[in-house]
C-alpha atoms as a PDB file:
ATOM      1  CA  UNK A   1     114.630 169.751 100.707  1.00  0.00           C
ATOM      2  CA  UNK A   2     116.769 168.362  97.915  1.00  0.00           C
ATOM      3  CA  UNK A   3     115.981 164.735  97.181  1.00  0.00           C
ATOM      4  CA  UNK A   4     119.646 163.754  97.128  1.00  0.00           C
ATOM      5  CA  UNK A   5     120.302 164.974 100.664  1.00  0.00           C
ATOM      6  CA  UNK A   6     120.452 162.292 103.342  1.00  0.00           C
ATOM      7  CA  UNK A   7     119.371 163.602 106.754  1.00  0.00           C
ATOM      8  CA  UNK A   8     118.678 161.257 109.625  1.00  0.00           C
ATOM      9  CA  UNK A   9     115.130 160.623 110.741  1.00  0.00           C
ATOM     10  CA  UNK A  10     116.350 161.183 114.306  1.00  0.00           C
ATOM     11  CA  UNK A  11     119.325 163.553 113.772  1.00  0.00           C
ATOM     12  CA  UNK A  12     119.963 164.089 117.453  1.00  0.00           C
ATOM     13  CA  UNK A  13     121.189 160.508 117.926  1.00  0.00           C
ATOM     14  CA  UNK A  14     124.354 158.796 116.753  1.00  0.00           C
ATOM     15  CA  UNK A  15     124.472 156.420 113.794  1.00  0.00           C
ATOM     16  CA  UNK A  16     125.390 152.773 114.420  1.00  0.00           C
ATOM     17  CA  UNK A  17     127.510 151.017 111.768  1.00  0.00           C
ATOM     18  CA  UNK A  18     125.642 149.453 108.851  1.00  0.00           C
ATOM     19  CA  UNK A  19     125.401 145.689 109.047  1.00  0.00           C
ATOM     20  CA  UNK A  20     125.811 144.739 105.350  1.00  0.00           C
ATOM     21  CA  UNK A  21     129.479 144.549 104.250  1.00  0.00           C
ATOM     22  CA  UNK A  22     130.121 146.528 101.111  1.00  0.00           C
ATOM     23  CA  UNK A  23     132.359 145.360  98.302  1.00  0.00           C
ATOM     24  CA  UNK A  24     135.035 147.512  96.591  1.00  0.00           C
ATOM     25  CA  UNK A  25     133.707 150.546  94.673  1.00  0.00           C
ATOM     26  CA  UNK A  26     130.319 150.222  96.311  1.00  0.00           C
ATOM     27  CA  UNK A  27     128.581 152.118  99.033  1.00  0.00           C
ATOM     28  CA  UNK A  28     125.363 152.033 100.979  1.00  0.00           C
ATOM     29  CA  UNK A  29     124.288 155.548 101.786  1.00  0.00           C
ATOM     30  CA  UNK A  30     121.543 155.207 104.359  1.00  0.00           C
ATOM     31  CA  UNK A  31     119.788 157.160 107.014  1.00  0.00           C
ATOM     32  CA  UNK A  32     119.592 155.296 110.317  1.00  0.00           C
ATOM     33  CA  UNK A  33     115.852 154.703 110.597  1.00  0.00           C
ATOM     34  CA  UNK A  34     115.096 154.607 114.287  1.00  0.00           C
ATOM     35  CA  UNK A  35     111.888 155.158 116.144  1.00  0.00           C
ATOM     36  CA  UNK A  36     111.448 158.845 116.822  1.00  0.00           C
ATOM     37  CA  UNK A  37     109.256 160.121 119.664  1.00  0.00           C
ATOM     38  CA  UNK A  38     105.728 160.323 118.333  1.00  0.00           C
ATOM     39  CA  UNK A  39     103.531 163.347 119.000  1.00  0.00           C
ATOM     40  CA  UNK A  40     100.402 161.347 119.711  1.00  0.00           C
ATOM     41  CA  UNK A  41      99.392 157.760 120.482  1.00  0.00           C
ATOM     42  CA  UNK A  42      96.090 155.946 120.255  1.00  0.00           C
ATOM     43  CA  UNK A  43      94.831 152.380 120.525  1.00  0.00           C
ATOM     44  CA  UNK A  44      93.674 150.877 117.236  1.00  0.00           C
ATOM     45  CA  UNK A  45      92.089 147.447 116.800  1.00  0.00           C
ATOM     46  CA  UNK A  46      93.610 145.355 114.024  1.00  0.00           C
ATOM     47  CA  UNK A  47      91.174 142.774 112.620  1.00  0.00           C
ATOM     48  CA  UNK A  48      92.393 139.473 111.220  1.00  0.00           C
ATOM     49  CA  UNK A  49      90.511 136.473 109.851  1.00  0.00           C
ATOM     50  CA  UNK A  50      91.713 132.908 110.093  1.00  0.00           C
ATOM     51  CA  UNK A  51      90.152 129.537 109.308  1.00  0.00           C
ATOM     52  CA  UNK A  52      90.045 126.848 111.973  1.00  0.00           C
ATOM     53  CA  UNK A  53      88.257 123.540 112.548  1.00  0.00           C
ATOM     54  CA  UNK A  54      86.266 123.001 115.739  1.00  0.00           C
ATOM     55  CA  UNK A  55      86.834 119.240 115.532  1.00  0.00           C
ATOM     56  CA  UNK A  56      90.201 118.869 113.784  1.00  0.00           C
ATOM     57  CA  UNK A  57      90.521 115.171 114.643  1.00  0.00           C
ATOM     58  CA  UNK A  58      87.835 114.387 112.043  1.00  0.00           C
ATOM     59  CA  UNK A  59      90.260 115.606 109.374  1.00  0.00           C
ATOM     60  CA  UNK A  60      92.412 112.564 110.095  1.00  0.00           C
ATOM     61  CA  UNK A  61      89.704 110.468 108.457  1.00  0.00           C
ATOM     62  CA  UNK A  62      90.590 112.112 105.143  1.00  0.00           C
ATOM     63  CA  UNK A  63      93.912 110.274 105.276  1.00  0.00           C
ATOM     64  CA  UNK A  64      92.036 106.975 105.297  1.00  0.00           C
ATOM     65  CA  UNK A  65      90.009 107.690 102.155  1.00  0.00           C
ATOM     66  CA  UNK A  66      92.745 106.768  99.609  1.00  0.00           C
ATOM     67  CA  UNK A  67      93.397 103.498 101.443  1.00  0.00           C
ATOM     68  CA  UNK A  68      89.681 102.729 101.612  1.00  0.00           C
ATOM     69  CA  UNK A  69      89.275 103.471  97.892  1.00  0.00           C
ATOM     70  CA  UNK A  70      92.187 101.174  97.049  1.00  0.00           C
ATOM     71  CA  UNK A  71      90.794  98.376  99.225  1.00  0.00           C
ATOM     72  CA  UNK A  72      87.314  98.795  97.730  1.00  0.00           C
ATOM     73  CA  UNK A  73      88.790  98.572  94.244  1.00  0.00           C
ATOM     74  CA  UNK A  74      90.598  95.357  95.110  1.00  0.00           C
ATOM     75  CA  UNK A  75      87.397  93.793  96.438  1.00  0.00           C
ATOM     76  CA  UNK A  76      85.481  94.541  93.269  1.00  0.00           C
ATOM     77  CA  UNK A  77      81.764  95.068  92.884  1.00  0.00           C
ATOM     78  CA  UNK A  78      79.481  92.165  93.949  1.00  0.00           C
ATOM     79  CA  UNK A  79      77.619  90.522  91.075  1.00  0.00           C
ATOM     80  CA  UNK A  80      74.042  91.602  90.527  1.00  0.00           C
ATOM     81  CA  UNK A  81      73.048  88.138  89.155  1.00  0.00           C
ATOM     82  CA  UNK A  82      74.345  84.631  89.693  1.00  0.00           C
ATOM     83  CA  UNK A  83      74.736  82.251  86.744  1.00  0.00           C
ATOM     84  CA  UNK A  84      75.173  78.519  86.805  1.00  0.00           C
ATOM     85  CA  UNK A  85      77.750  78.667  84.014  1.00  0.00           C
ATOM     86  CA  UNK A  86      80.093  81.400  82.832  1.00  0.00           C
ATOM     87  CA  UNK A  87      79.350  80.361  79.261  1.00  0.00           C
ATOM     88  CA  UNK A  88      76.040  82.151  79.569  1.00  0.00           C
ATOM     89  CA  UNK A  89      77.783  85.517  79.853  1.00  0.00           C
ATOM     90  CA  UNK A  90      80.957  84.868  77.865  1.00  0.00           C
ATOM     91  CA  UNK A  91      79.797  87.221  75.140  1.00  0.00           C
ATOM     92  CA  UNK A  92      79.737  90.210  77.440  1.00  0.00           C
ATOM     93  CA  UNK A  93      82.820  89.415  79.492  1.00  0.00           C
ATOM     94  CA  UNK A  94      84.944  92.029  77.737  1.00  0.00           C
ATOM     95  CA  UNK A  95      82.547  94.906  78.200  1.00  0.00           C
ATOM     96  CA  UNK A  96      84.277  97.569  80.362  1.00  0.00           C
ATOM     97  CA  UNK A  97      82.663  99.653  83.007  1.00  0.00           C
ATOM     98  CA  UNK A  98      81.070 102.794  81.554  1.00  0.00           C
ATOM     99  CA  UNK A  99      82.446 106.274  82.211  1.00  0.00           C
ATOM    100  CA  UNK A 100      79.179 107.119  83.936  1.00  0.00           C
ATOM    101  CA  UNK A 101      79.829 104.317  86.401  1.00  0.00           C
ATOM    102  CA  UNK A 102      83.331 105.620  87.172  1.00  0.00           C
ATOM    103  CA  UNK A 103      81.962 109.122  87.652  1.00  0.00           C
ATOM    104  CA  UNK A 104      79.363 107.771  90.069  1.00  0.00           C
ATOM    105  CA  UNK A 105      82.071 106.056  92.129  1.00  0.00           C
ATOM    106  CA  UNK A 106      84.147 109.251  92.221  1.00  0.00           C
ATOM    107  CA  UNK A 107      81.072 111.218  93.269  1.00  0.00           C
ATOM    108  CA  UNK A 108      80.483 108.847  96.166  1.00  0.00           C
ATOM    109  CA  UNK A 109      84.030 109.314  97.479  1.00  0.00           C
ATOM    110  CA  UNK A 110      83.775 113.078  97.056  1.00  0.00           C
ATOM    111  CA  UNK A 111      80.523 113.080  99.018  1.00  0.00           C
ATOM    112  CA  UNK A 112      82.205 111.122 101.790  1.00  0.00           C
ATOM    113  CA  UNK A 113      85.114 113.591 101.880  1.00  0.00           C
ATOM    114  CA  UNK A 114      82.724 116.554 102.124  1.00  0.00           C
ATOM    115  CA  UNK A 115      80.841 114.787 104.908  1.00  0.00           C
ATOM    116  CA  UNK A 116      84.080 114.428 106.872  1.00  0.00           C
ATOM    117  CA  UNK A 117      84.872 118.121 106.330  1.00  0.00           C
ATOM    118  CA  UNK A 118      81.405 118.976 107.607  1.00  0.00           C
ATOM    119  CA  UNK A 119      81.983 116.927 110.757  1.00  0.00           C
ATOM    120  CA  UNK A 120      85.202 118.883 111.379  1.00  0.00           C
ATOM    121  CA  UNK A 121      83.107 122.108 111.379  1.00  0.00           C
ATOM    122  CA  UNK A 122      85.562 124.494 109.656  1.00  0.00           C
ATOM    123  CA  UNK A 123      84.825 128.182 110.189  1.00  0.00           C
ATOM    124  CA  UNK A 124      86.387 131.604 109.803  1.00  0.00           C
ATOM    125  CA  UNK A 125      87.284 133.318 113.056  1.00  0.00           C
ATOM    126  CA  UNK A 126      87.847 137.060 113.238  1.00  0.00           C
ATOM    127  CA  UNK A 127      90.254 138.183 115.915  1.00  0.00           C
ATOM    128  CA  UNK A 128      91.155 141.660 117.088  1.00  0.00           C
ATOM    129  CA  UNK A 129      94.580 142.770 118.198  1.00  0.00           C
ATOM    130  CA  UNK A 130      95.010 146.088 119.976  1.00  0.00           C
ATOM    131  CA  UNK A 131      97.844 148.100 118.426  1.00  0.00           C
ATOM    132  CA  UNK A 132      99.159 151.323 119.911  1.00  0.00           C
ATOM    133  CA  UNK A 133      99.251 153.700 116.944  1.00  0.00           C
ATOM    134  CA  UNK A 134     101.920 156.369 117.202  1.00  0.00           C
ATOM    135  CA  UNK A 135     100.304 158.957 114.967  1.00  0.00           C
ATOM    136  CA  UNK A 136     103.160 158.738 112.429  1.00  0.00           C
ATOM    137  CA  UNK A 137     102.334 157.990 108.783  1.00  0.00           C
ATOM    138  CA  UNK A 138     105.223 156.867 106.576  1.00  0.00           C
ATOM    139  CA  UNK A 139     105.319 156.128 102.851  1.00  0.00           C
ATOM    140  CA  UNK A 140     108.406 154.386 101.488  1.00  0.00           C
ATOM    141  CA  UNK A 141     109.216 154.954  97.801  1.00  0.00           C
ATOM    142  CA  UNK A 142     111.501 152.180  96.518  1.00  0.00           C
ATOM    143  CA  UNK A 143     113.396 152.199  93.221  1.00  0.00           C
ATOM    144  CA  UNK A 144     112.744 149.259  90.859  1.00  0.00           C
ATOM    145  CA  UNK A 145     114.886 150.486  87.953  1.00  0.00           C
ATOM    146  CA  UNK A 146     117.177 148.045  86.145  1.00  0.00           C
ATOM    147  CA  UNK A 147     120.294 149.366  87.873  1.00  0.00           C
ATOM    148  CA  UNK A 148     118.972 147.997  91.181  1.00  0.00           C
ATOM    149  CA  UNK A 149     119.920 144.561  89.832  1.00  0.00           C
ATOM    150  CA  UNK A 150     123.652 145.263  90.305  1.00  0.00           C
ATOM    151  CA  UNK A 151     125.221 143.001  92.937  1.00  0.00           C
ATOM    152  CA  UNK A 152     127.253 145.512  94.940  1.00  0.00           C
ATOM    153  CA  UNK A 153     126.905 144.053  98.413  1.00  0.00           C
ATOM    154  CA  UNK A 154     127.552 140.951 100.420  1.00  0.00           C
ATOM    155  CA  UNK A 155     125.228 139.800 103.189  1.00  0.00           C
ATOM    156  CA  UNK A 156     125.607 136.597 105.219  1.00  0.00           C
ATOM    157  CA  UNK A 157     128.358 135.354 102.945  1.00  0.00           C
ATOM    158  CA  UNK A 158     126.585 135.828  99.618  1.00  0.00           C
ATOM    159  CA  UNK A 159     126.445 138.626  97.094  1.00  0.00           C
ATOM    160  CA  UNK A 160     123.075 140.311  96.721  1.00  0.00           C
ATOM    161  CA  UNK A 161     121.736 143.041  94.476  1.00  0.00           C
ATOM    162  CA  UNK A 162     120.689 146.530  95.467  1.00  0.00           C
ATOM    163  CA  UNK A 163     116.979 145.727  95.582  1.00  0.00           C
ATOM    164  CA  UNK A 164     117.554 142.838  97.985  1.00  0.00           C
ATOM    165  CA  UNK A 165     119.676 144.977 100.316  1.00  0.00           C
ATOM    166  CA  UNK A 166     117.014 147.701 100.203  1.00  0.00           C
ATOM    167  CA  UNK A 167     114.337 145.128 101.092  1.00  0.00           C
ATOM    168  CA  UNK A 168     116.454 143.803 103.963  1.00  0.00           C
ATOM    169  CA  UNK A 169     116.947 147.283 105.434  1.00  0.00           C
ATOM    170  CA  UNK A 170     113.267 148.112 104.996  1.00  0.00           C
ATOM    171  CA  UNK A 171     112.068 144.869 106.618  1.00  0.00           C
ATOM    172  CA  UNK A 172     114.110 145.586 109.743  1.00  0.00           C
ATOM    173  CA  UNK A 173     112.789 149.144 109.797  1.00  0.00           C
ATOM    174  CA  UNK A 174     109.151 147.994 109.536  1.00  0.00           C
ATOM    175  CA  UNK A 175     109.567 145.403 112.283  1.00  0.00           C
ATOM    176  CA  UNK A 176     110.787 148.097 114.687  1.00  0.00           C
ATOM    177  CA  UNK A 177     107.807 150.405 114.085  1.00  0.00           C
ATOM    178  CA  UNK A 178     104.667 148.383 114.926  1.00  0.00           C
ATOM    179  CA  UNK A 179     102.676 151.471 115.870  1.00  0.00           C
ATOM    180  CA  UNK A 180     103.231 153.436 112.643  1.00  0.00           C
ATOM    181  CA  UNK A 181     101.071 153.298 109.558  1.00  0.00           C
ATOM    182  CA  UNK A 182     103.359 152.513 106.646  1.00  0.00           C
ATOM    183  CA  UNK A 183     102.667 152.433 102.913  1.00  0.00           C
ATOM    184  CA  UNK A 184     104.735 151.450  99.899  1.00  0.00           C
ATOM    185  CA  UNK A 185     105.249 153.108  96.506  1.00  0.00           C
ATOM    186  CA  UNK A 186     107.354 151.462  93.780  1.00  0.00           C
ATOM    187  CA  UNK A 187     108.819 153.379  90.871  1.00  0.00           C
ATOM    188  CA  UNK A 188     111.066 153.033  87.846  1.00  0.00           C
ATOM    189  CA  UNK A 189     110.026 154.903  84.686  1.00  0.00           C
ATOM    190  CA  UNK A 190     106.613 155.292  86.332  1.00  0.00           C
ATOM    191  CA  UNK A 191     105.308 155.029  89.891  1.00  0.00           C
ATOM    192  CA  UNK A 192     102.487 153.025  91.438  1.00  0.00           C
ATOM    193  CA  UNK A 193     101.145 152.282  94.923  1.00  0.00           C
ATOM    194  CA  UNK A 194     102.344 148.820  95.993  1.00  0.00           C
ATOM    195  CA  UNK A 195     100.653 148.929  99.419  1.00  0.00           C
ATOM    196  CA  UNK A 196      98.369 151.540 101.026  1.00  0.00           C
ATOM    197  CA  UNK A 197      99.065 152.995 104.444  1.00  0.00           C
ATOM    198  CA  UNK A 198      98.343 150.271 106.972  1.00  0.00           C
ATOM    199  CA  UNK A 199      99.022 149.009 110.482  1.00  0.00           C
ATOM    200  CA  UNK A 200      98.910 145.446 109.169  1.00  0.00           C
ATOM    201  CA  UNK A 201     102.629 145.026 108.739  1.00  0.00           C
ATOM    202  CA  UNK A 202     102.325 141.361 107.762  1.00  0.00           C
ATOM    203  CA  UNK A 203     100.351 142.502 104.724  1.00  0.00           C
ATOM    204  CA  UNK A 204     102.925 145.219 104.090  1.00  0.00           C
ATOM    205  CA  UNK A 205     105.873 142.797 104.240  1.00  0.00           C
ATOM    206  CA  UNK A 206     104.055 140.400 101.908  1.00  0.00           C
ATOM    207  CA  UNK A 207     103.664 143.154  99.302  1.00  0.00           C
ATOM    208  CA  UNK A 208     107.268 144.240  99.790  1.00  0.00           C
ATOM    209  CA  UNK A 209     108.448 140.699  99.073  1.00  0.00           C
ATOM    210  CA  UNK A 210     106.406 140.647  95.864  1.00  0.00           C
ATOM    211  CA  UNK A 211     108.307 143.576  94.356  1.00  0.00           C
ATOM    212  CA  UNK A 212     110.369 142.475  91.364  1.00  0.00           C
ATOM    213  CA  UNK A 213     112.622 144.191  88.845  1.00  0.00           C
ATOM    214  CA  UNK A 214     111.654 144.666  85.175  1.00  0.00           C
ATOM    215  CA  UNK A 215     107.931 144.746  85.950  1.00  0.00           C
ATOM    216  CA  UNK A 216     107.328 148.382  84.974  1.00  0.00           C
ATOM    217  CA  UNK A 217     108.707 150.826  82.419  1.00  0.00           C
ATOM    218  CA  UNK A 218     112.473 151.310  82.710  1.00  0.00           C
ATOM    219  CA  UNK A 219     113.957 154.543  84.007  1.00  0.00           C
ATOM    220  CA  UNK A 220     114.464 156.326  87.308  1.00  0.00           C
ATOM    221  CA  UNK A 221     111.560 158.719  87.801  1.00  0.00           C
ATOM    222  CA  UNK A 222     112.453 159.974  91.273  1.00  0.00           C
ATOM    223  CA  UNK A 223     110.112 162.927  90.925  1.00  0.00           C
ATOM    224  CA  UNK A 224     107.173 160.666  90.056  1.00  0.00           C
ATOM    225  CA  UNK A 225     107.922 158.310  92.939  1.00  0.00           C
ATOM    226  CA  UNK A 226     108.225 161.171  95.397  1.00  0.00           C
ATOM    227  CA  UNK A 227     105.078 162.853  94.087  1.00  0.00           C
ATOM    228  CA  UNK A 228     103.037 159.629  94.333  1.00  0.00           C
ATOM    229  CA  UNK A 229     104.228 159.170  97.916  1.00  0.00           C
ATOM    230  CA  UNK A 230     103.358 162.727  98.915  1.00  0.00           C
ATOM    231  CA  UNK A 231      99.888 162.341  97.390  1.00  0.00           C
ATOM    232  CA  UNK A 232      99.216 159.415  99.750  1.00  0.00           C
ATOM    233  CA  UNK A 233      99.808 161.757 102.693  1.00  0.00           C
ATOM    234  CA  UNK A 234      98.474 165.108 101.551  1.00  0.00           C
ATOM    235  CA  UNK A 235      94.904 164.801 102.905  1.00  0.00           C
ATOM    236  CA  UNK A 236      95.784 163.086 106.192  1.00  0.00           C
ATOM    237  CA  UNK A 237      95.563 164.816 109.563  1.00  0.00           C
ATOM    238  CA  UNK A 238      98.580 163.029 111.003  1.00  0.00           C
ATOM    239  CA  UNK A 239     100.850 164.948 113.331  1.00  0.00           C
ATOM    240  CA  UNK A 240     103.875 163.572 111.493  1.00  0.00           C
ATOM    241  CA  UNK A 241     103.990 162.670 107.778  1.00  0.00           C
ATOM    242  CA  UNK A 242     107.163 161.182 106.329  1.00  0.00           C
ATOM    243  CA  UNK A 243     108.371 159.976 102.931  1.00  0.00           C
ATOM    244  CA  UNK A 244     111.457 157.756 102.741  1.00  0.00           C
ATOM    245  CA  UNK A 245     113.017 157.598  99.282  1.00  0.00           C
ATOM    246  CA  UNK A 246     115.178 154.539  98.491  1.00  0.00           C
ATOM    247  CA  UNK A 247     117.057 154.848  95.188  1.00  0.00           C
ATOM    248  CA  UNK A 248     120.416 154.121  93.596  1.00  0.00           C
ATOM    249  CA  UNK A 249     120.599 156.765  90.907  1.00  0.00           C
ATOM    250  CA  UNK A 250     119.696 160.170  89.583  1.00  0.00           C
ATOM    251  CA  UNK A 251     116.422 161.252  88.056  1.00  0.00           C
ATOM    252  CA  UNK A 252     116.358 160.478  84.323  1.00  0.00           C
ATOM    253  CA  UNK A 253     112.688 159.861  83.595  1.00  0.00           C
ATOM    254  CA  UNK A 254     109.200 161.106  84.349  1.00  0.00           C
ATOM    255  CA  UNK A 255     107.446 164.435  83.895  1.00  0.00           C
ATOM    256  CA  UNK A 256     107.909 165.650  87.475  1.00  0.00           C
ATOM    257  CA  UNK A 257     111.269 166.981  88.626  1.00  0.00           C
ATOM    258  CA  UNK A 258     112.454 165.845  92.072  1.00  0.00           C
ATOM    259  CA  UNK A 259     112.871 169.435  93.248  1.00  0.00           C
ATOM    260  CA  UNK A 260     109.278 170.233  92.272  1.00  0.00           C
ATOM    261  CA  UNK A 261     108.008 167.207  94.202  1.00  0.00           C
ATOM    262  CA  UNK A 262     110.191 168.136  97.191  1.00  0.00           C
ATOM    263  CA  UNK A 263     108.776 171.663  97.229  1.00  0.00           C
ATOM    264  CA  UNK A 264     105.241 170.241  97.167  1.00  0.00           C
ATOM    265  CA  UNK A 265     106.149 167.995 100.097  1.00  0.00           C
ATOM    266  CA  UNK A 266     107.462 170.964 102.060  1.00  0.00           C
ATOM    267  CA  UNK A 267     104.268 172.914 101.372  1.00  0.00           C
ATOM    268  CA  UNK A 268     102.190 169.987 102.691  1.00  0.00           C
ATOM    269  CA  UNK A 269     104.395 169.594 105.773  1.00  0.00           C
ATOM    270  CA  UNK A 270     105.695 166.212 104.604  1.00  0.00           C
ATOM    271  CA  UNK A 271     109.254 165.423 105.636  1.00  0.00           C
ATOM    272  CA  UNK A 272     111.391 163.723 102.971  1.00  0.00           C
ATOM    273  CA  UNK A 273     114.376 161.501 103.764  1.00  0.00           C
ATOM    274  CA  UNK A 274     116.515 159.559 101.312  1.00  0.00           C
ATOM    275  CA  UNK A 275     118.475 156.324 101.390  1.00  0.00           C
ATOM    276  CA  UNK A 276     121.010 155.880  98.600  1.00  0.00           C
ATOM    277  CA  UNK A 277     122.034 152.372  97.562  1.00  0.00           C
ATOM    278  CA  UNK A 278     124.721 151.527  95.001  1.00  0.00           C
ATOM    279  CA  UNK A 279     127.884 152.792  93.335  1.00  0.00           C
ATOM    280  CA  UNK A 280     128.872 156.430  93.564  1.00  0.00           C
END
């Protein structure tokens, strides 16, 4: 399959209109990424860890510590000795409190804060969520070349660049496929794995949001991006293996030609679909 072709993931269905409004001389070539019937489903447990406090009301005491420290400072430290006349100690009246004394006071307040945290009984809780896995593994290869910075589109009344529109489309796609394992490959002059195949789509979206332009060598190595994506799928036993290529240009970098990578994908039974973003 030629990398520049744009088949639909579900070709038997009609394409709805694209939501982003394009500006003059710009276009958003995109496959409509809908949920295709999966060949196999299974229940997978997704583990998540979160930190909670068994007695959260004790944490309210932490809010009182600054006020208590201020009040204690206003009261001052009680005298260790009483003198009948201040003239007896006038020579040492200007001696300031030592740094060791200040550190000791700070240590006392820190100890009190830790004691309050202990009373709240914080702990990590591991929860399991049952997810119905569809048996479809998808790797998305997204272009981070400098040309993706061009602001060709308008979304919600503001102009956005090609990378932002690609992220917006991909986020909506991910949210509609909770049962698919999805991974992320980023490429420009080189390619790297931004997120492994996972059912944890919150983790996936977090890594997608972290993608930035000008972070790797400039260029558009479509062949390298496609090859890296195919390599993530080659040894899997999935019934359906898919690579989605999101780019705005033609291959001009890298040692692997797109056609060579596409032929390797075909030999490994990996379907390749493309989404073009940008100016013709």
